[in-house]
Protein backbone atom coordinates (compact mmCIF):
# COMPACT_ATOMS: atom_id res chain seq x y z
CA MET A 1 0.00 0.00 0.00
CA GLY A 2 2.39 2.74 1.20
CA GLY A 3 2.29 5.81 3.41
CA PHE A 4 3.67 9.34 3.47
CA PHE A 5 4.57 12.16 5.81
CA GLY A 6 5.18 15.84 5.17
CA THR A 7 6.03 18.70 7.49
CA ILE A 8 6.69 22.46 7.37
CA SER A 9 8.14 24.40 10.26
CA VAL A 10 9.60 27.75 11.25
CA ASP A 11 12.76 25.79 12.11
CA ASP A 12 14.69 23.00 10.41
CA CYS A 13 12.30 20.10 9.70
CA VAL A 14 14.71 17.27 8.83
CA ASN A 15 14.49 15.31 12.09
CA ASP A 16 10.69 15.47 12.15
CA LEU A 17 10.57 14.43 8.50
CA PHE A 18 12.92 11.50 9.08
CA TYR A 19 11.10 10.08 12.10
CA GLY A 20 7.62 10.92 10.81
CA THR A 21 8.25 9.06 7.58
CA ASP A 22 9.75 6.13 9.49
CA TYR A 23 6.50 5.83 11.46
CA ASN A 24 4.79 4.88 8.17
CA SER A 25 7.15 1.93 7.58
CA HIS A 26 4.52 -0.71 8.41
CA LEU A 27 2.57 0.41 5.32
CA GLY A 28 5.11 -0.58 2.68
CA THR A 29 8.14 -2.74 2.02
CA LYS A 30 9.71 -1.86 -1.31
CA ARG A 31 11.08 1.69 -1.52
CA ALA A 32 11.37 4.90 0.44
CA GLY A 33 12.30 8.47 -0.35
CA MET A 34 12.57 11.95 1.14
CA ALA A 35 12.77 15.43 -0.35
CA THR A 36 13.31 18.80 1.30
CA PHE A 37 13.27 22.38 0.02
CA ASP A 38 15.51 25.22 1.15
CA PRO A 39 15.30 28.67 -0.49
CA ASP A 40 19.10 28.87 -0.74
CA LYS A 41 20.00 25.24 -1.51
CA GLY A 42 16.90 24.25 -3.49
CA PHE A 43 15.48 20.70 -3.50
CA SER A 44 17.33 17.73 -2.01
CA ARG A 45 16.16 14.19 -2.65
CA SER A 46 17.15 10.61 -1.85
CA ILE A 47 15.48 7.29 -2.72
CA HIS A 48 16.41 3.80 -1.49
CA SER A 49 15.20 0.22 -1.80
CA LEU A 50 13.82 -1.31 1.40
CA GLU A 51 13.63 -4.89 0.15
CA ARG A 52 16.80 -5.89 2.00
CA ASP A 53 16.98 -3.25 4.72
CA TYR A 54 14.94 -0.79 6.75
CA PHE A 55 14.16 2.90 6.43
CA ARG A 56 16.27 4.18 9.32
CA SER A 57 19.41 2.32 8.32
CA LYS A 58 19.11 3.56 4.72
CA PHE A 59 18.58 7.26 5.46
CA GLU A 60 20.16 7.96 8.84
CA ASP A 61 23.64 8.55 7.47
CA GLU A 62 22.28 10.91 4.78
CA LEU A 63 20.39 13.35 7.00
CA ASP A 64 23.09 16.02 6.80
CA GLN A 65 22.49 16.35 3.06
CA PHE A 66 18.90 17.51 3.62
CA HIS A 67 18.24 21.17 4.35
CA GLY A 68 15.20 23.32 4.89
CA CYS A 69 12.07 23.93 6.90
CA GLN A 70 9.74 21.85 4.72
CA GLY A 71 9.88 18.35 3.31
CA ILE A 72 7.99 15.21 2.32
CA GLY A 73 8.79 11.53 2.71
CA VAL A 74 7.22 8.29 1.50
CA ILE A 75 7.25 4.56 2.11
CA SER A 76 6.22 3.04 -1.21
CA ASP A 77 5.02 -0.38 -2.30
CA THR A 78 5.10 0.70 -5.93
CA ASP A 79 7.53 3.07 -7.60
CA PRO A 80 10.64 5.09 -6.68
CA GLN A 81 9.58 8.50 -5.36
CA PRO A 82 9.50 11.50 -4.68
CA ILE A 83 9.51 12.92 -8.20
CA ILE A 84 10.90 16.46 -8.60
CA VAL A 85 9.49 18.62 -11.40
CA ASN A 86 10.35 22.05 -12.82
CA SER A 87 7.24 23.35 -14.59
CA HIS A 88 5.04 26.33 -15.36
CA LEU A 89 3.53 25.81 -11.88
CA GLY A 90 7.00 26.23 -10.38
CA ARG A 91 9.38 23.69 -8.94
CA PHE A 92 7.72 20.96 -6.88
CA ALA A 93 8.20 17.44 -5.54
CA VAL A 94 5.38 14.91 -5.24
CA VAL A 95 4.74 11.63 -3.41
CA THR A 96 1.71 9.39 -3.83
CA VAL A 97 -0.15 6.54 -2.23
CA ALA A 98 -1.90 5.18 -5.29
CA LYS A 99 -3.09 2.27 -7.35
CA ILE A 100 -3.49 3.29 -10.99
CA ASN A 101 -5.06 0.53 -13.07
CA ASN A 102 -5.03 2.48 -16.32
CA GLN A 103 -1.39 3.62 -16.33
CA ARG A 104 -0.80 2.47 -19.90
CA GLU A 105 -3.86 4.27 -21.27
CA ILE A 106 -2.95 7.55 -19.53
CA ALA A 107 0.67 7.23 -20.68
CA GLU A 108 -0.40 6.74 -24.30
CA LYS A 109 -2.52 9.91 -24.12
CA LEU A 110 0.41 11.88 -22.74
CA LEU A 111 2.87 10.46 -25.28
CA ALA A 112 0.46 11.44 -28.05
CA LYS A 113 0.76 15.01 -26.75
CA ARG A 114 4.56 14.75 -27.12
CA MET A 115 5.21 14.43 -23.41
CA HIS A 116 7.88 12.01 -22.20
CA PHE A 117 8.68 9.80 -19.21
CA SER A 118 12.12 9.88 -17.65
CA GLU A 119 11.63 7.89 -14.42
CA MET A 120 11.44 4.34 -15.78
CA SER A 121 12.02 1.49 -13.31
CA ALA A 122 12.52 -2.07 -14.62
CA ASN A 123 11.06 -0.81 -17.92
CA LYS A 124 7.83 0.18 -16.16
CA ILE A 125 6.08 3.52 -15.99
CA ASN A 126 6.65 5.34 -12.73
CA GLN A 127 3.09 6.10 -11.64
CA THR A 128 4.14 9.03 -9.46
CA GLU A 129 5.76 10.64 -12.51
CA LEU A 130 2.50 9.99 -14.35
CA VAL A 131 0.69 11.88 -11.59
CA ALA A 132 3.26 14.71 -11.77
CA LEU A 133 2.72 15.09 -15.52
CA LEU A 134 -1.06 15.26 -15.08
CA ILE A 135 -0.66 17.88 -12.36
CA ASN A 136 1.58 19.90 -14.66
CA MET A 137 -1.15 19.96 -17.32
CA GLY A 138 -3.37 22.00 -15.00
CA ASN A 139 -3.63 25.77 -14.87
CA SER A 140 -3.05 25.54 -11.12
CA PHE A 141 -2.17 22.84 -8.62
CA VAL A 142 -5.85 22.37 -7.77
CA ASP A 143 -6.74 22.07 -11.46
CA GLY A 144 -3.91 19.60 -12.01
CA ILE A 145 -4.86 17.48 -9.00
CA ASN A 146 -8.43 17.27 -10.26
CA ARG A 147 -7.07 16.09 -13.61
CA VAL A 148 -5.46 13.24 -11.68
CA PHE A 149 -8.72 12.47 -9.88
CA ASN A 150 -10.64 12.46 -13.17
CA GLU A 151 -8.13 10.34 -15.11
CA VAL A 152 -7.13 7.68 -12.57
CA ASP A 153 -8.94 4.35 -12.45
CA GLY A 154 -8.15 3.19 -8.92
CA SER A 155 -7.15 5.68 -6.25
CA CYS A 156 -4.56 8.37 -5.59
CA SER A 157 -3.70 10.46 -2.53
CA MET A 158 -0.67 12.77 -2.66
CA LEU A 159 1.57 15.33 -1.01
CA ILE A 160 3.14 18.10 -3.13
CA LEU A 161 6.14 20.00 -1.81
CA THR A 162 6.17 23.48 -3.37
CA GLU A 163 8.51 26.38 -2.75
CA ASN A 164 6.09 27.97 -0.28
CA GLY A 165 4.18 25.18 1.37
CA ILE A 166 2.93 21.59 1.17
CA ILE A 167 -0.29 20.65 -0.63
CA ALA A 168 -2.11 17.54 0.60
CA ALA A 169 -4.82 15.98 -1.58
CA ARG A 170 -6.85 12.97 -0.52
CA ASP A 171 -8.16 10.46 -3.07
CA ARG A 172 -11.48 11.63 -4.47
CA TYR A 173 -13.33 8.72 -2.80
CA GLY A 174 -11.21 8.85 0.34
CA ARG A 175 -10.01 5.26 0.01
CA THR A 176 -6.77 6.12 1.79
CA PRO A 177 -6.52 8.62 4.67
CA ILE A 178 -4.62 11.85 5.27
CA VAL A 179 -4.55 13.44 8.73
CA ILE A 180 -3.16 16.90 9.57
CA GLY A 181 -1.27 17.55 12.82
CA LYS A 182 0.02 20.74 14.37
CA LYS A 183 2.35 21.95 17.08
CA GLU A 184 3.84 25.33 17.91
CA GLY A 185 5.52 26.63 14.76
CA ALA A 186 4.83 23.58 12.58
CA TYR A 187 2.22 21.57 10.70
CA ALA A 188 2.40 18.03 9.32
CA ALA A 189 0.38 15.73 7.05
CA SER A 190 0.53 11.95 7.31
CA SER A 191 -1.11 8.70 6.27
CA GLU A 192 -0.95 7.60 9.92
CA SER A 193 -1.78 9.66 12.99
CA SER A 194 0.54 7.32 14.92
CA SER A 195 3.44 9.33 13.48
CA PHE A 196 2.40 12.39 15.53
CA PRO A 197 2.58 11.73 19.32
CA ASN A 198 6.33 11.28 19.75
CA LEU A 199 6.98 14.33 17.56
CA ASP A 200 4.54 16.40 19.69
CA TYR A 201 1.99 17.00 16.91
CA GLN A 202 -1.70 17.04 17.78
CA PRO A 203 -4.16 15.79 15.14
CA CYS A 204 -6.33 18.70 14.06
CA HIS A 205 -8.00 17.75 10.77
CA ASP A 206 -8.88 14.62 8.77
CA LEU A 207 -9.04 15.38 5.07
CA GLY A 208 -12.32 14.42 3.46
CA PRO A 209 -12.60 12.65 0.10
CA GLY A 210 -11.27 14.83 -2.70
CA GLU A 211 -10.27 17.56 -0.25
CA ILE A 212 -7.17 19.61 -1.05
CA VAL A 213 -5.39 21.69 1.59
CA LYS A 214 -2.19 23.70 1.81
CA ILE A 215 -0.16 23.65 5.01
CA GLN A 216 2.38 26.26 6.03
CA SER A 217 4.21 26.71 9.29
CA ASP A 218 1.51 29.03 10.64
CA GLY A 219 -1.68 27.41 9.42
CA LEU A 220 -3.84 25.39 7.07
CA THR A 221 -5.75 26.68 4.04
CA VAL A 222 -8.50 24.67 2.35
CA LEU A 223 -8.03 24.88 -1.43
CA GLN A 224 -10.91 22.53 -2.29
CA GLU A 225 -13.68 21.28 -0.04
CA ALA A 226 -14.36 17.57 0.38
CA SER A 227 -16.67 16.00 -2.20
CA GLY A 228 -18.84 14.27 0.40
CA THR A 229 -18.57 10.80 -1.16
CA GLU A 230 -16.33 8.54 0.94
CA HIS A 231 -15.36 4.89 0.47
CA ILE A 232 -12.53 4.48 2.96
CA CYS A 233 -10.82 1.07 2.85
CA SER A 234 -12.07 -1.16 5.68
CA PHE A 235 -8.82 -3.15 5.52
CA LEU A 236 -7.05 -0.19 7.14
CA TRP A 237 -8.69 -1.14 10.44
CA VAL A 238 -8.45 -4.88 9.83
CA TYR A 239 -4.77 -5.08 8.94
CA TYR A 240 -2.79 -2.13 7.62
CA GLY A 241 -3.29 0.49 10.32
CA PHE A 242 -0.95 0.80 13.28
CA PRO A 243 -2.92 0.16 16.52
CA THR A 244 -2.57 3.74 17.81
CA SER A 245 -3.73 5.34 14.55
CA ASP A 246 -7.14 6.94 14.08
CA TYR A 247 -9.01 7.29 10.80
CA ASN A 248 -12.00 9.64 10.90
CA SER A 249 -11.31 9.74 14.68
CA ILE A 250 -11.93 5.97 14.89
CA ASN A 251 -9.05 4.12 16.54
CA VAL A 252 -7.59 1.01 14.90
CA GLU A 253 -7.10 -0.99 18.11
CA ASP A 254 -10.61 -0.16 19.33
CA VAL A 255 -12.07 -1.53 16.09
CA ARG A 256 -10.00 -4.72 16.31
CA GLU A 257 -11.06 -5.31 19.90
CA ARG A 258 -14.72 -4.69 19.05
CA ASN A 259 -14.42 -7.13 16.14
CA GLY A 260 -13.14 -9.80 18.50
CA PHE A 261 -15.69 -9.00 21.20
CA PHE A 262 -18.60 -9.43 18.79
CA MET A 263 -17.20 -12.74 17.51
CA GLY A 264 -16.55 -14.01 21.04
CA GLN A 265 -20.08 -13.18 22.14
CA GLU A 266 -21.59 -15.11 19.22
CA ASP A 267 -19.23 -18.11 19.27
CA ASP A 268 -20.51 -21.28 20.99
CA THR A 269 -17.27 -23.23 20.41
CA GLU A 270 -15.73 -24.65 23.61
CA ALA A 271 -12.10 -23.63 24.08
CA ASP A 272 -9.55 -23.13 26.86
CA ILE A 273 -7.55 -20.11 25.68
CA VAL A 274 -7.39 -17.54 22.91
CA CYS A 275 -4.27 -16.05 21.34
CA GLY A 276 -3.62 -13.50 18.60
CA VAL A 277 -1.23 -13.92 15.70
CA PRO A 278 1.10 -10.89 15.94
CA ASP A 279 0.70 -8.11 15.18
CA SER A 280 -2.74 -7.35 13.81
CA GLY A 281 -4.49 -10.39 15.35
CA VAL A 282 -3.65 -9.40 18.93
CA GLY A 283 -6.28 -6.69 19.38
CA MET A 284 -8.97 -8.97 18.02
CA ALA A 285 -7.90 -11.77 20.35
CA LEU A 286 -8.09 -9.47 23.38
CA GLY A 287 -11.63 -8.51 22.42
CA TYR A 288 -12.57 -12.14 21.73
CA ALA A 289 -11.30 -13.20 25.17
CA GLN A 290 -13.52 -10.59 26.79
CA GLY A 291 -16.57 -11.43 24.69
CA LYS A 292 -16.14 -15.19 25.07
CA GLY A 293 -15.05 -15.16 28.69
CA ILE A 294 -11.89 -17.26 28.27
CA PRO A 295 -8.28 -16.29 29.06
CA TYR A 296 -6.05 -14.51 26.60
CA LYS A 297 -2.62 -16.17 26.41
CA ARG A 298 0.45 -15.32 24.35
CA ALA A 299 0.76 -18.75 22.77
CA VAL A 300 2.77 -17.42 19.85
CA LEU A 301 5.10 -14.42 19.81
CA LYS A 302 6.94 -12.51 17.16
CA TYR A 303 10.71 -12.29 17.41
CA THR A 304 10.89 -8.51 17.04
CA PRO A 305 14.66 -7.89 17.22
CA THR A 306 15.21 -9.08 13.63
CA TRP A 307 11.78 -9.58 12.10
CA PRO A 308 9.77 -6.35 12.24
CA ARG A 309 6.35 -6.37 10.61
CA SER A 310 7.49 -4.39 7.61
CA PHE A 311 10.02 -6.96 6.40
CA THR A 312 8.28 -8.90 3.60
CA PRO A 313 10.53 -10.25 0.83
CA GLY A 314 9.20 -10.10 -2.72
CA ASP A 315 9.91 -13.78 -3.41
CA GLN A 316 7.03 -16.04 -2.28
CA SER A 317 9.24 -18.90 -1.06
CA ARG A 318 11.30 -16.45 1.01
CA ARG A 319 8.14 -14.81 2.35
CA LYS A 320 7.00 -18.23 3.54
CA LEU A 321 10.29 -18.84 5.32
CA VAL A 322 10.29 -15.39 6.93
CA ALA A 323 6.69 -15.86 8.08
CA LYS A 324 7.76 -19.01 9.88
CA MET A 325 11.02 -17.66 11.30
CA LYS A 326 9.56 -14.56 12.91
CA LEU A 327 6.82 -16.36 14.91
CA ILE A 328 7.84 -18.56 17.86
CA PRO A 329 5.20 -20.78 19.52
CA ASN A 330 5.13 -21.40 23.26
CA ARG A 331 4.79 -25.14 24.00
CA ALA A 332 4.03 -24.53 27.68
CA ILE A 333 0.93 -22.51 26.74
CA LEU A 334 -0.27 -24.69 23.85
CA SER A 335 0.23 -28.18 25.20
CA GLY A 336 -2.99 -30.00 26.14
CA ARG A 337 -5.25 -27.04 25.40
CA ARG A 338 -8.07 -26.24 23.01
CA VAL A 339 -6.84 -23.05 21.35
CA VAL A 340 -8.66 -20.28 19.50
CA PHE A 341 -6.25 -18.17 17.48
CA CYS A 342 -7.25 -14.88 15.92
CA ASP A 343 -5.79 -13.46 12.72
CA ASP A 344 -6.62 -10.50 10.52
CA SER A 345 -7.37 -12.31 7.23
CA ILE A 346 -6.69 -15.30 5.01
CA VAL A 347 -5.21 -14.49 1.61
CA ARG A 348 -3.32 -17.49 0.21
CA GLY A 349 -3.59 -19.55 3.40
CA THR A 350 -0.02 -20.84 3.34
CA GLN A 351 1.15 -19.04 6.48
CA LEU A 352 -1.97 -19.96 8.41
CA ARG A 353 -1.65 -23.63 7.43
CA ASP A 354 1.90 -23.66 8.77
CA ASN A 355 0.81 -21.99 12.01
CA VAL A 356 -1.95 -24.55 12.54
CA ARG A 357 0.43 -27.44 11.98
CA THR A 358 2.89 -25.92 14.46
CA PHE A 359 0.18 -25.48 17.12
CA PHE A 360 -0.72 -29.17 16.85
CA ASP A 361 2.94 -30.18 16.87
CA TYR A 362 3.35 -28.23 20.12
CA GLY A 363 0.55 -30.11 21.83
CA ALA A 364 -2.70 -28.23 21.13
CA THR A 365 -5.61 -30.66 21.18
CA GLU A 366 -7.87 -28.43 19.04
CA VAL A 367 -7.07 -25.39 16.91
CA HIS A 368 -9.91 -23.02 16.08
CA ALA A 369 -9.28 -20.07 13.75
CA ARG A 370 -11.26 -16.84 14.00
CA ILE A 371 -10.67 -14.24 11.29
CA SER A 372 -11.48 -10.56 11.87
CA CYS A 373 -12.85 -9.91 8.38
CA PRO A 374 -15.08 -11.82 5.95
CA PRO A 375 -13.51 -14.08 3.30
CA LEU A 376 -11.55 -12.23 0.61
CA VAL A 377 -13.54 -13.21 -2.48
CA TYR A 378 -12.76 -10.27 -4.77
CA GLY A 379 -9.42 -8.77 -5.76
CA CYS A 380 -9.03 -5.12 -4.83
CA PRO A 381 -9.05 -2.61 -7.73
CA PHE A 382 -8.62 0.39 -5.45
CA VAL A 383 -5.58 -0.02 -3.16
CA ASN A 384 -2.58 -2.35 -3.04
CA PHE A 385 -3.50 -4.24 0.12
CA THR A 386 -1.81 -7.50 -0.94
CA SER A 387 1.03 -8.44 -3.26
CA SER A 388 -1.27 -10.81 -5.18
CA LYS A 389 -0.92 -10.52 -8.94
CA SER A 390 -4.04 -12.59 -9.70
CA ASP A 391 -7.34 -13.32 -7.98
CA LEU A 392 -6.39 -16.99 -8.22
CA GLU A 393 -3.81 -16.36 -5.50
CA LEU A 394 -6.79 -16.01 -3.15
CA ILE A 395 -7.59 -19.35 -1.54
CA THR A 396 -11.30 -18.59 -1.93
CA ARG A 397 -10.99 -18.26 -5.71
CA ARG A 398 -9.00 -21.48 -6.03
CA ILE A 399 -11.69 -23.31 -4.10
CA ILE A 400 -14.47 -21.73 -6.16
CA GLN A 401 -12.64 -22.82 -9.32
CA ASP A 402 -12.45 -26.38 -7.98
CA PHE A 403 -16.15 -26.35 -7.09
CA GLU A 404 -17.50 -24.55 -10.15
CA GLY A 405 -14.93 -25.23 -12.87
CA ALA A 406 -14.14 -21.48 -13.09
CA PRO A 407 -12.90 -18.97 -10.49
CA ASP A 408 -15.54 -16.31 -11.13
CA VAL A 409 -18.81 -18.26 -10.98
CA ASN A 410 -21.50 -17.44 -8.36
CA LEU A 411 -19.20 -15.06 -6.50
CA GLU A 412 -22.12 -13.22 -4.94
CA LYS A 413 -23.41 -16.45 -3.41
CA TYR A 414 -19.99 -17.39 -2.03
CA ALA A 415 -19.66 -13.90 -0.53
CA THR A 416 -23.04 -14.06 1.23
CA THR A 417 -22.65 -15.00 4.89
CA ASP A 418 -24.16 -18.40 5.76
CA SER A 419 -25.39 -19.18 2.24
CA PRO A 420 -24.90 -22.85 1.27
CA GLU A 421 -22.05 -21.83 -1.05
CA TYR A 422 -20.41 -19.75 1.69
CA LYS A 423 -20.59 -22.57 4.23
CA ARG A 424 -19.20 -25.08 1.76
CA MET A 425 -16.30 -22.76 0.90
CA VAL A 426 -15.44 -22.06 4.55
CA ASP A 427 -15.57 -25.77 5.42
CA GLU A 428 -13.21 -26.52 2.54
CA ILE A 429 -10.77 -23.79 3.64
CA ALA A 430 -10.75 -25.32 7.12
CA ARG A 431 -10.16 -28.80 5.70
CA ARG A 432 -7.29 -27.69 3.47
CA LEU A 433 -5.61 -25.76 6.26
CA GLY A 434 -6.10 -28.48 8.89
CA ILE A 435 -8.18 -26.32 11.25
CA THR A 436 -10.56 -27.86 13.78
CA THR A 437 -13.09 -25.10 13.10
CA LEU A 438 -12.93 -21.87 11.09
CA LYS A 439 -15.15 -18.82 11.36
CA PHE A 440 -14.91 -15.48 9.59
CA ASN A 441 -16.30 -12.23 10.93
CA LYS A 442 -19.62 -11.17 9.49
CA ILE A 443 -19.52 -8.08 7.32
CA GLU A 444 -22.32 -6.60 9.45
CA ASN A 445 -20.15 -6.94 12.57
CA LEU A 446 -17.13 -5.42 10.81
CA ILE A 447 -19.20 -2.38 9.80
CA ARG A 448 -20.63 -2.19 13.33
CA ALA A 449 -17.12 -2.32 14.82
CA ILE A 450 -15.87 0.49 12.59
CA GLY A 451 -18.92 2.61 13.32
CA LEU A 452 -19.33 4.37 9.97
CA PRO A 453 -22.28 3.94 7.60
CA LYS A 454 -21.80 1.03 5.19
CA CYS A 455 -22.01 3.43 2.24
CA ASN A 456 -18.90 5.27 3.49
CA ILE A 457 -16.74 2.15 3.83
CA CYS A 458 -15.23 0.17 0.96
CA THR A 459 -15.87 -3.56 1.42
CA HIS A 460 -15.34 -4.52 -2.22
CA CYS A 461 -12.88 -7.33 -1.45
CA PHE A 462 -15.50 -9.04 0.73
CA ASP A 463 -18.77 -8.48 -1.13
CA GLY A 464 -17.86 -6.97 -4.52
CA SER A 465 -19.64 -3.71 -3.68
CA GLY A 466 -18.84 -0.63 -5.73
CA CYS A 467 -19.49 0.05 -9.39
CA PRO A 468 -17.13 0.93 -12.27
CA SER A 469 -17.99 4.61 -11.92
CA CYS A 470 -16.71 4.50 -8.33
CA ARG A 471 -13.27 3.35 -9.45
CA LYS A 472 -12.22 6.79 -10.58
């Protein structure tokens, strides 16, 4: 997915920029970049790969090369960024959190107008450069940003570092968040409010869908009001968000605990203990323990010194090995017990299958899986919430293909809670993964836990909701 952070201050901003960007590291695993602007020294930029290392170790030794009171940083799961542009709008740098499904079509239009692309990576279009070119076609930054909103099939939120302030623009349907924070003499914009507390910023404004604002060291100016149509990604609360982050003033950990509480209240399965698969399953497990009335135990822990959450190799076989190496089961807790373990989701199912096998190997008599979201039946066209290249990487689609002879038959029935097709699919997932019982959260309970109207939350990956016109 990715995340960004930008700040502007009356004093040097480099330390805030460095640590604020780092606090978005759980959102992406591929690349990171920072750019600053100083009236005397101009723009400074650096971009690094994160696939074999971490943000701090890549940028810490370079901090002295950055100068100025304003800057932007990004953790990217897509392309190298920031992009720096010199145009009729002035000099600016831009970072994006985006999924652009129609990159090729937009690029062909721009090439036909004799524009060119210079930031090619592995012979692929750099989608942030694509966004920069569309912005540059506008008569103003607001006009250019709206060109992006109108052209992009998918989603795009962005920060633009200009010579006299930072412009923040949230995706026109608000699929990804931007929160503004302030402290004396400084403002900041971030994908995650969890980047603010240790830097002494106080959240002061959540951008609405399509809203565009400009921040300067002494205040915030709204350049375009929110559109009023929001489809924020529900998976932010399920998985991506850091537990202390708030979106629309709704806390991630609170939602996860409510999810678990609702499931625990409704679950009649007999069990001795409940545990959460670190990190994003822990909050759910705490809520489940309360709702069910059974003890929460740390039956599996993550080895944090060398395996932080953000480290996810691109190679599938290496991902599988890392997933195993970073989680250590506790035989003393598991042995002889009926265990409920809570996890955020099931995508391919490979990691969960290995976890189940390990629990049994360490003496669990029963292993019950409780998942905090409904089954992932549809691929996401709006944000990059998994590294899946095909819907057939989803275990649900492979099972549907086995049942129906094709992976896209009767999807609505399989996505409907407690339908015969749904029950058959869930039973087959449990059988293939070796689970004693498997239950997914109901979409109604997920919406209830988040606390926003269903029409303001994107649940496309669970129920296929949303129409082609909503993809722009």
